[in-house]
Amino acid sequence: MNRILVGSRAFFSGIEGFKSKDHDYLELVENPTTFKWRREQSLRGTCIFQFKKEPVARMVQRTLDNGEALLVGKFLVPEVAQAIGATVSDILPLEPLLSKLDDRHKYVAVIFDAVKQNGSFELTDEQRAAAYEVYRQARQPTAEPAAN
């Protein structure tokens, strides 16, 4: 079974100043016996997402039916798209879920827009930097109010 790096590390590793508290991986399972279509396990900073490997249209539809916006980012990772045989047009139906992203994951919408614009899962350096800036801003530590 192949583990594919997903999450912010898949997009921002190597960018100066980037730090992530965890490692997220996706495993595509041919014939799962312990889950129906997906499951997550998290242990000491490593999150494993297991998806049943199905035709792309079915995987996209399950994601839409589930309504969980955080799953959209997995489809944007070039290695995932290649592993499931997805084209950009295959994932476009996921766009309505982007409005459900929390502030810490709005960078996924920036990447989605770039992928859509490019017609490819590869990002330009500028697009990657723009997505990272959204990521970084959302994770700025909040300043404590000054005591009077």
N, C-alpha and C. Protein backbone atom coordinates (compact mmCIF):
# COMPACT_ATOMS: atom_id res chain seq x y z
N MET A 1 0.85 -1.18 0.00
CA MET A 1 0.00 0.00 0.00
C MET A 1 0.90 1.24 0.00
N ASN A 2 0.57 2.17 -0.84
CA ASN A 2 1.37 3.36 -1.03
C ASN A 2 0.85 4.50 -0.16
N ARG A 3 1.75 5.13 0.60
CA ARG A 3 1.39 6.31 1.39
C ARG A 3 1.79 7.55 0.62
N ILE A 4 0.84 8.46 0.48
CA ILE A 4 1.08 9.71 -0.24
C ILE A 4 0.98 10.85 0.76
N LEU A 5 1.99 11.69 0.78
CA LEU A 5 1.98 12.86 1.66
C LEU A 5 0.89 13.82 1.19
N VAL A 6 0.01 14.22 2.11
CA VAL A 6 -1.05 15.19 1.81
C VAL A 6 -1.00 16.28 2.87
N GLY A 7 -1.98 17.16 2.87
CA GLY A 7 -2.02 18.25 3.84
C GLY A 7 -1.04 19.34 3.47
N SER A 8 -0.81 20.24 4.40
CA SER A 8 0.03 21.41 4.11
C SER A 8 1.45 21.04 3.71
N ARG A 9 1.99 19.97 4.26
CA ARG A 9 3.36 19.56 3.89
C ARG A 9 3.47 19.20 2.41
N ALA A 10 2.40 18.67 1.84
CA ALA A 10 2.43 18.30 0.42
C ALA A 10 2.59 19.52 -0.47
N PHE A 11 2.12 20.66 0.01
CA PHE A 11 2.15 21.88 -0.78
C PHE A 11 3.28 22.83 -0.41
N PHE A 12 3.65 22.85 0.88
CA PHE A 12 4.54 23.91 1.35
C PHE A 12 5.90 23.46 1.85
N SER A 13 6.19 22.17 1.87
CA SER A 13 7.51 21.72 2.30
C SER A 13 8.57 22.41 1.47
N GLY A 14 9.60 22.88 2.15
CA GLY A 14 10.69 23.56 1.46
C GLY A 14 10.56 25.07 1.44
N ILE A 15 9.39 25.59 1.79
CA ILE A 15 9.22 27.04 1.84
C ILE A 15 9.82 27.54 3.16
N GLU A 16 10.63 28.58 3.07
CA GLU A 16 11.27 29.13 4.25
C GLU A 16 10.22 29.56 5.27
N GLY A 17 10.42 29.13 6.51
CA GLY A 17 9.51 29.49 7.59
C GLY A 17 8.35 28.53 7.78
N PHE A 18 8.16 27.59 6.85
CA PHE A 18 7.03 26.65 6.97
C PHE A 18 7.30 25.62 8.06
N LYS A 19 6.32 25.49 8.95
CA LYS A 19 6.37 24.46 9.98
C LYS A 19 4.96 23.90 10.12
N SER A 20 4.89 22.60 10.16
CA SER A 20 3.59 21.94 10.39
C SER A 20 3.73 21.06 11.61
N LYS A 21 2.68 21.01 12.40
CA LYS A 21 2.75 20.20 13.62
C LYS A 21 2.54 18.72 13.35
N ASP A 22 2.06 18.38 12.16
CA ASP A 22 1.79 16.96 11.91
C ASP A 22 2.16 16.55 10.49
N HIS A 23 2.11 15.25 10.28
CA HIS A 23 2.34 14.65 8.97
C HIS A 23 1.03 13.96 8.57
N ASP A 24 0.49 14.33 7.42
CA ASP A 24 -0.75 13.72 6.93
C ASP A 24 -0.42 12.86 5.72
N TYR A 25 -0.95 11.65 5.72
CA TYR A 25 -0.75 10.73 4.61
C TYR A 25 -2.08 10.15 4.15
N LEU A 26 -2.16 9.89 2.86
CA LEU A 26 -3.33 9.22 2.29
C LEU A 26 -2.89 7.86 1.80
N GLU A 27 -3.67 6.86 2.14
CA GLU A 27 -3.48 5.51 1.63
C GLU A 27 -4.72 5.13 0.85
N LEU A 28 -4.51 4.65 -0.37
CA LEU A 28 -5.61 4.17 -1.19
C LEU A 28 -5.69 2.66 -1.02
N VAL A 29 -6.85 2.19 -0.59
CA VAL A 29 -7.02 0.78 -0.26
C VAL A 29 -7.93 0.15 -1.31
N GLU A 30 -7.44 -0.90 -1.96
CA GLU A 30 -8.19 -1.56 -3.04
C GLU A 30 -9.50 -2.18 -2.55
N ASN A 31 -9.43 -3.05 -1.57
CA ASN A 31 -10.61 -3.75 -1.07
C ASN A 31 -10.63 -3.70 0.46
N PRO A 32 -11.03 -2.56 1.02
CA PRO A 32 -10.99 -2.46 2.48
C PRO A 32 -11.96 -3.43 3.14
N THR A 33 -11.53 -3.99 4.25
CA THR A 33 -12.40 -4.89 5.00
C THR A 33 -12.78 -4.29 6.35
N THR A 34 -12.06 -3.25 6.77
CA THR A 34 -12.32 -2.68 8.09
C THR A 34 -13.02 -1.33 8.04
N PHE A 35 -13.32 -0.83 6.83
CA PHE A 35 -14.08 0.41 6.67
C PHE A 35 -14.76 0.39 5.31
N LYS A 36 -15.81 1.25 5.15
CA LYS A 36 -16.57 1.25 3.90
C LYS A 36 -15.93 2.09 2.81
N TRP A 37 -15.66 3.39 3.09
CA TRP A 37 -15.05 4.21 2.03
C TRP A 37 -13.92 5.10 2.51
N ARG A 38 -13.87 5.42 3.79
CA ARG A 38 -12.72 6.17 4.30
C ARG A 38 -12.65 6.05 5.80
N ARG A 39 -11.45 6.25 6.32
CA ARG A 39 -11.27 6.34 7.76
C ARG A 39 -10.01 7.15 8.04
N GLU A 40 -9.94 7.68 9.25
CA GLU A 40 -8.80 8.47 9.68
C GLU A 40 -8.27 7.89 10.98
N GLN A 41 -6.95 7.91 11.09
CA GLN A 41 -6.31 7.53 12.33
C GLN A 41 -5.23 8.57 12.62
N SER A 42 -5.17 9.01 13.86
CA SER A 42 -4.17 10.01 14.24
C SER A 42 -3.43 9.51 15.47
N LEU A 43 -2.11 9.54 15.38
CA LEU A 43 -1.29 9.09 16.50
C LEU A 43 0.01 9.86 16.52
N ARG A 44 0.25 10.58 17.58
CA ARG A 44 1.51 11.32 17.79
C ARG A 44 1.94 12.15 16.59
N GLY A 45 1.05 12.96 16.08
CA GLY A 45 1.42 13.87 15.00
C GLY A 45 1.40 13.27 13.61
N THR A 46 0.99 12.02 13.49
CA THR A 46 0.85 11.41 12.17
C THR A 46 -0.61 11.05 11.96
N CYS A 47 -1.18 11.61 10.88
CA CYS A 47 -2.57 11.32 10.54
C CYS A 47 -2.57 10.48 9.26
N ILE A 48 -3.25 9.35 9.32
CA ILE A 48 -3.38 8.48 8.16
C ILE A 48 -4.84 8.53 7.71
N PHE A 49 -5.03 8.92 6.47
CA PHE A 49 -6.36 8.92 5.86
C PHE A 49 -6.38 7.74 4.89
N GLN A 50 -7.32 6.86 5.08
CA GLN A 50 -7.46 5.73 4.16
C GLN A 50 -8.75 5.92 3.38
N PHE A 51 -8.62 5.87 2.07
CA PHE A 51 -9.77 5.97 1.17
C PHE A 51 -9.87 4.68 0.39
N LYS A 52 -11.09 4.23 0.17
CA LYS A 52 -11.30 3.11 -0.73
C LYS A 52 -10.98 3.60 -2.13
N LYS A 53 -10.12 2.86 -2.83
CA LYS A 53 -9.79 3.24 -4.20
C LYS A 53 -10.94 2.81 -5.11
N GLU A 54 -11.57 3.81 -5.70
CA GLU A 54 -12.73 3.60 -6.57
C GLU A 54 -12.54 4.47 -7.80
N PRO A 55 -13.42 4.35 -8.78
CA PRO A 55 -13.36 5.30 -9.90
C PRO A 55 -13.45 6.73 -9.37
N VAL A 56 -12.75 7.64 -10.01
CA VAL A 56 -12.67 9.03 -9.55
C VAL A 56 -14.05 9.63 -9.32
N ALA A 57 -14.96 9.44 -10.25
CA ALA A 57 -16.29 10.03 -10.13
C ALA A 57 -16.97 9.56 -8.85
N ARG A 58 -16.78 8.31 -8.48
CA ARG A 58 -17.39 7.76 -7.26
C ARG A 58 -16.74 8.39 -6.01
N MET A 59 -15.41 8.56 -6.05
CA MET A 59 -14.70 9.17 -4.91
C MET A 59 -15.14 10.62 -4.74
N VAL A 60 -15.30 11.33 -5.83
CA VAL A 60 -15.75 12.72 -5.79
C VAL A 60 -17.18 12.78 -5.25
N GLN A 61 -18.04 11.90 -5.74
CA GLN A 61 -19.44 11.91 -5.28
C GLN A 61 -19.55 11.58 -3.80
N ARG A 62 -18.78 10.62 -3.33
CA ARG A 62 -18.80 10.29 -1.89
C ARG A 62 -18.38 11.50 -1.06
N THR A 63 -17.38 12.24 -1.56
CA THR A 63 -16.90 13.43 -0.86
C THR A 63 -17.99 14.49 -0.83
N LEU A 64 -18.66 14.69 -1.94
CA LEU A 64 -19.77 15.65 -1.99
C LEU A 64 -20.90 15.23 -1.06
N ASP A 65 -21.25 13.95 -1.08
CA ASP A 65 -22.32 13.45 -0.22
C ASP A 65 -21.98 13.63 1.25
N ASN A 66 -20.71 13.44 1.57
CA ASN A 66 -20.23 13.58 2.95
C ASN A 66 -20.21 15.04 3.36
N GLY A 67 -19.92 15.93 2.41
CA GLY A 67 -19.93 17.38 2.67
C GLY A 67 -18.75 17.89 3.47
N GLU A 68 -17.71 17.10 3.62
CA GLU A 68 -16.57 17.52 4.42
C GLU A 68 -15.53 18.21 3.54
N ALA A 69 -15.46 19.53 3.69
CA ALA A 69 -14.60 20.35 2.84
C ALA A 69 -13.13 19.99 2.96
N LEU A 70 -12.69 19.54 4.12
CA LEU A 70 -11.28 19.23 4.31
C LEU A 70 -10.79 18.11 3.39
N LEU A 71 -11.70 17.30 2.90
CA LEU A 71 -11.30 16.21 2.00
C LEU A 71 -10.88 16.72 0.62
N VAL A 72 -11.32 17.90 0.25
CA VAL A 72 -11.03 18.43 -1.09
C VAL A 72 -9.52 18.54 -1.32
N GLY A 73 -8.80 18.98 -0.31
CA GLY A 73 -7.36 19.16 -0.45
C GLY A 73 -6.62 17.90 -0.87
N LYS A 74 -7.11 16.75 -0.46
CA LYS A 74 -6.45 15.49 -0.83
C LYS A 74 -6.43 15.31 -2.35
N PHE A 75 -7.52 15.72 -3.01
CA PHE A 75 -7.62 15.56 -4.46
C PHE A 75 -6.69 16.50 -5.22
N LEU A 76 -6.20 17.55 -4.56
CA LEU A 76 -5.36 18.56 -5.23
C LEU A 76 -3.89 18.20 -5.25
N VAL A 77 -3.49 17.21 -4.46
CA VAL A 77 -2.09 16.79 -4.42
C VAL A 77 -1.79 16.03 -5.72
N PRO A 78 -0.79 16.48 -6.49
CA PRO A 78 -0.51 15.84 -7.78
C PRO A 78 -0.33 14.32 -7.71
N GLU A 79 0.32 13.83 -6.66
CA GLU A 79 0.53 12.38 -6.54
C GLU A 79 -0.78 11.63 -6.30
N VAL A 80 -1.70 12.27 -5.60
CA VAL A 80 -3.01 11.64 -5.38
C VAL A 80 -3.78 11.61 -6.71
N ALA A 81 -3.80 12.75 -7.39
CA ALA A 81 -4.50 12.81 -8.68
C ALA A 81 -3.96 11.74 -9.63
N GLN A 82 -2.66 11.59 -9.65
CA GLN A 82 -2.05 10.57 -10.53
C GLN A 82 -2.45 9.17 -10.08
N ALA A 83 -2.42 8.91 -8.78
CA ALA A 83 -2.72 7.58 -8.26
C ALA A 83 -4.17 7.16 -8.53
N ILE A 84 -5.09 8.13 -8.54
CA ILE A 84 -6.50 7.78 -8.77
C ILE A 84 -6.93 8.04 -10.21
N GLY A 85 -6.01 8.59 -11.00
CA GLY A 85 -6.31 8.85 -12.41
C GLY A 85 -7.24 10.04 -12.61
N ALA A 86 -7.14 11.04 -11.73
CA ALA A 86 -8.04 12.20 -11.81
C ALA A 86 -7.48 13.27 -12.74
N THR A 87 -8.38 13.91 -13.46
CA THR A 87 -8.05 15.10 -14.23
C THR A 87 -8.64 16.29 -13.47
N VAL A 88 -8.24 17.49 -13.86
CA VAL A 88 -8.79 18.68 -13.21
C VAL A 88 -10.30 18.71 -13.38
N SER A 89 -10.80 18.40 -14.55
CA SER A 89 -12.26 18.43 -14.76
C SER A 89 -12.98 17.43 -13.87
N ASP A 90 -12.31 16.32 -13.51
CA ASP A 90 -12.93 15.33 -12.61
C ASP A 90 -13.21 15.91 -11.22
N ILE A 91 -12.36 16.82 -10.78
CA ILE A 91 -12.51 17.31 -9.40
C ILE A 91 -13.29 18.61 -9.30
N LEU A 92 -13.61 19.23 -10.42
CA LEU A 92 -14.35 20.50 -10.39
C LEU A 92 -15.68 20.43 -9.63
N PRO A 93 -16.39 19.30 -9.65
CA PRO A 93 -17.64 19.24 -8.88
C PRO A 93 -17.45 19.48 -7.37
N LEU A 94 -16.22 19.37 -6.87
CA LEU A 94 -15.96 19.58 -5.44
C LEU A 94 -15.96 21.06 -5.05
N GLU A 95 -15.96 21.95 -6.03
CA GLU A 95 -15.84 23.38 -5.75
C GLU A 95 -16.84 23.93 -4.73
N PRO A 96 -18.12 23.51 -4.75
CA PRO A 96 -19.06 24.05 -3.76
C PRO A 96 -18.66 23.80 -2.30
N LEU A 97 -17.84 22.78 -2.05
CA LEU A 97 -17.43 22.50 -0.67
C LEU A 97 -16.44 23.54 -0.14
N LEU A 98 -15.78 24.26 -1.03
CA LEU A 98 -14.75 25.21 -0.60
C LEU A 98 -15.30 26.29 0.34
N SER A 99 -16.55 26.66 0.17
CA SER A 99 -17.14 27.69 1.03
C SER A 99 -17.26 27.22 2.48
N LYS A 100 -17.14 25.92 2.71
CA LYS A 100 -17.24 25.38 4.07
C LYS A 100 -15.90 25.31 4.79
N LEU A 101 -14.80 25.66 4.11
CA LEU A 101 -13.48 25.57 4.74
C LEU A 101 -13.35 26.57 5.89
N ASP A 102 -12.74 26.14 6.98
CA ASP A 102 -12.46 27.07 8.07
C ASP A 102 -11.26 27.93 7.68
N ASP A 103 -11.01 28.99 8.45
CA ASP A 103 -9.94 29.93 8.11
C ASP A 103 -8.58 29.25 7.98
N ARG A 104 -8.32 28.27 8.82
CA ARG A 104 -7.02 27.59 8.81
C ARG A 104 -6.80 26.75 7.56
N HIS A 105 -7.86 26.51 6.82
CA HIS A 105 -7.75 25.68 5.61
C HIS A 105 -8.18 26.40 4.33
N LYS A 106 -8.33 27.73 4.41
CA LYS A 106 -8.71 28.51 3.21
C LYS A 106 -7.65 28.40 2.12
N TYR A 107 -6.43 28.06 2.49
CA TYR A 107 -5.38 27.89 1.48
C TYR A 107 -5.76 26.83 0.45
N VAL A 108 -6.59 25.87 0.85
CA VAL A 108 -7.04 24.82 -0.08
C VAL A 108 -7.84 25.45 -1.22
N ALA A 109 -8.65 26.45 -0.91
CA ALA A 109 -9.44 27.14 -1.95
C ALA A 109 -8.51 27.88 -2.91
N VAL A 110 -7.44 28.48 -2.39
CA VAL A 110 -6.47 29.17 -3.24
C VAL A 110 -5.81 28.17 -4.19
N ILE A 111 -5.46 27.01 -3.66
CA ILE A 111 -4.84 25.97 -4.49
C ILE A 111 -5.84 25.44 -5.51
N PHE A 112 -7.08 25.22 -5.08
CA PHE A 112 -8.13 24.74 -6.00
C PHE A 112 -8.27 25.71 -7.17
N ASP A 113 -8.35 27.01 -6.87
CA ASP A 113 -8.49 28.02 -7.93
C ASP A 113 -7.30 27.99 -8.88
N ALA A 114 -6.10 27.81 -8.34
CA ALA A 114 -4.89 27.75 -9.18
C ALA A 114 -4.91 26.52 -10.08
N VAL A 115 -5.30 25.38 -9.52
CA VAL A 115 -5.39 24.13 -10.29
C VAL A 115 -6.41 24.30 -11.41
N LYS A 116 -7.55 24.88 -11.08
CA LYS A 116 -8.61 25.12 -12.06
C LYS A 116 -8.10 26.05 -13.17
N GLN A 117 -7.43 27.13 -12.78
CA GLN A 117 -6.90 28.09 -13.75
C GLN A 117 -5.84 27.45 -14.65
N ASN A 118 -4.96 26.63 -14.06
CA ASN A 118 -3.86 26.01 -14.80
C ASN A 118 -4.32 24.84 -15.68
N GLY A 119 -5.43 24.21 -15.28
CA GLY A 119 -5.82 22.97 -15.96
C GLY A 119 -4.85 21.85 -15.65
N SER A 120 -4.15 22.00 -14.51
CA SER A 120 -3.10 21.06 -14.12
C SER A 120 -2.98 21.08 -12.61
N PHE A 121 -2.48 19.98 -12.04
CA PHE A 121 -2.30 19.91 -10.60
C PHE A 121 -0.97 20.53 -10.15
N GLU A 122 -0.19 21.00 -11.10
CA GLU A 122 1.08 21.65 -10.77
C GLU A 122 0.83 23.14 -10.55
N LEU A 123 1.46 23.70 -9.51
CA LEU A 123 1.32 25.11 -9.20
C LEU A 123 2.57 25.86 -9.63
N THR A 124 2.39 27.10 -10.02
CA THR A 124 3.55 27.96 -10.26
C THR A 124 4.12 28.37 -8.91
N ASP A 125 5.33 28.86 -8.89
CA ASP A 125 5.93 29.34 -7.64
C ASP A 125 5.09 30.45 -7.04
N GLU A 126 4.55 31.33 -7.89
CA GLU A 126 3.73 32.43 -7.41
C GLU A 126 2.43 31.92 -6.78
N GLN A 127 1.80 30.93 -7.40
CA GLN A 127 0.56 30.37 -6.86
C GLN A 127 0.83 29.68 -5.52
N ARG A 128 1.91 28.95 -5.46
CA ARG A 128 2.28 28.27 -4.22
C ARG A 128 2.55 29.30 -3.12
N ALA A 129 3.25 30.37 -3.45
CA ALA A 129 3.54 31.42 -2.48
C ALA A 129 2.25 32.10 -2.00
N ALA A 130 1.32 32.34 -2.91
CA ALA A 130 0.04 32.96 -2.55
C ALA A 130 -0.75 32.06 -1.60
N ALA A 131 -0.78 30.77 -1.88
CA ALA A 131 -1.49 29.83 -1.01
C ALA A 131 -0.80 29.76 0.36
N TYR A 132 0.53 29.78 0.35
CA TYR A 132 1.26 29.73 1.62
C TYR A 132 0.98 30.98 2.46
N GLU A 133 0.87 32.11 1.81
CA GLU A 133 0.60 33.36 2.55
C GLU A 133 -0.76 33.26 3.26
N VAL A 134 -1.76 32.70 2.59
CA VAL A 134 -3.08 32.49 3.22
C VAL A 134 -2.94 31.53 4.40
N TYR A 135 -2.19 30.46 4.21
CA TYR A 135 -1.92 29.48 5.27
C TYR A 135 -1.25 30.17 6.46
N ARG A 136 -0.18 30.92 6.18
CA ARG A 136 0.61 31.57 7.22
C ARG A 136 -0.22 32.59 8.01
N GLN A 137 -1.00 33.40 7.30
CA GLN A 137 -1.82 34.42 7.96
C GLN A 137 -2.83 33.79 8.92
N ALA A 138 -3.40 32.67 8.51
CA ALA A 138 -4.43 32.02 9.33
C ALA A 138 -3.83 31.36 10.58
N ARG A 139 -2.54 31.15 10.56
CA ARG A 139 -1.88 30.48 11.68
C ARG A 139 -0.98 31.40 12.50
N GLN A 140 -1.12 32.70 12.28
CA GLN A 140 -0.37 33.68 13.08
C GLN A 140 -0.80 33.55 14.53
N PRO A 141 0.17 33.53 15.43
CA PRO A 141 -0.27 33.52 16.84
C PRO A 141 -0.99 34.82 17.15
N THR A 142 -2.06 34.71 17.89
CA THR A 142 -2.80 35.93 18.24
C THR A 142 -2.10 36.61 19.40
N ALA A 143 -1.93 37.90 19.28
CA ALA A 143 -1.24 38.68 20.32
C ALA A 143 -2.13 38.79 21.54
N GLU A 144 -1.52 38.67 22.69
CA GLU A 144 -2.26 38.86 23.94
C GLU A 144 -2.59 40.34 24.08
N PRO A 145 -3.79 40.67 24.51
CA PRO A 145 -4.10 42.09 24.72
C PRO A 145 -3.19 42.67 25.81
N ALA A 146 -2.77 43.88 25.62
CA ALA A 146 -1.89 44.54 26.59
C ALA A 146 -2.63 44.75 27.90
N ALA A 147 -1.97 44.43 28.99
CA ALA A 147 -2.58 44.65 30.31
C ALA A 147 -2.45 46.12 30.69
N ASN A 148 -3.50 46.69 31.23
CA ASN A 148 -3.46 48.12 31.63
C ASN A 148 -3.34 48.23 33.12
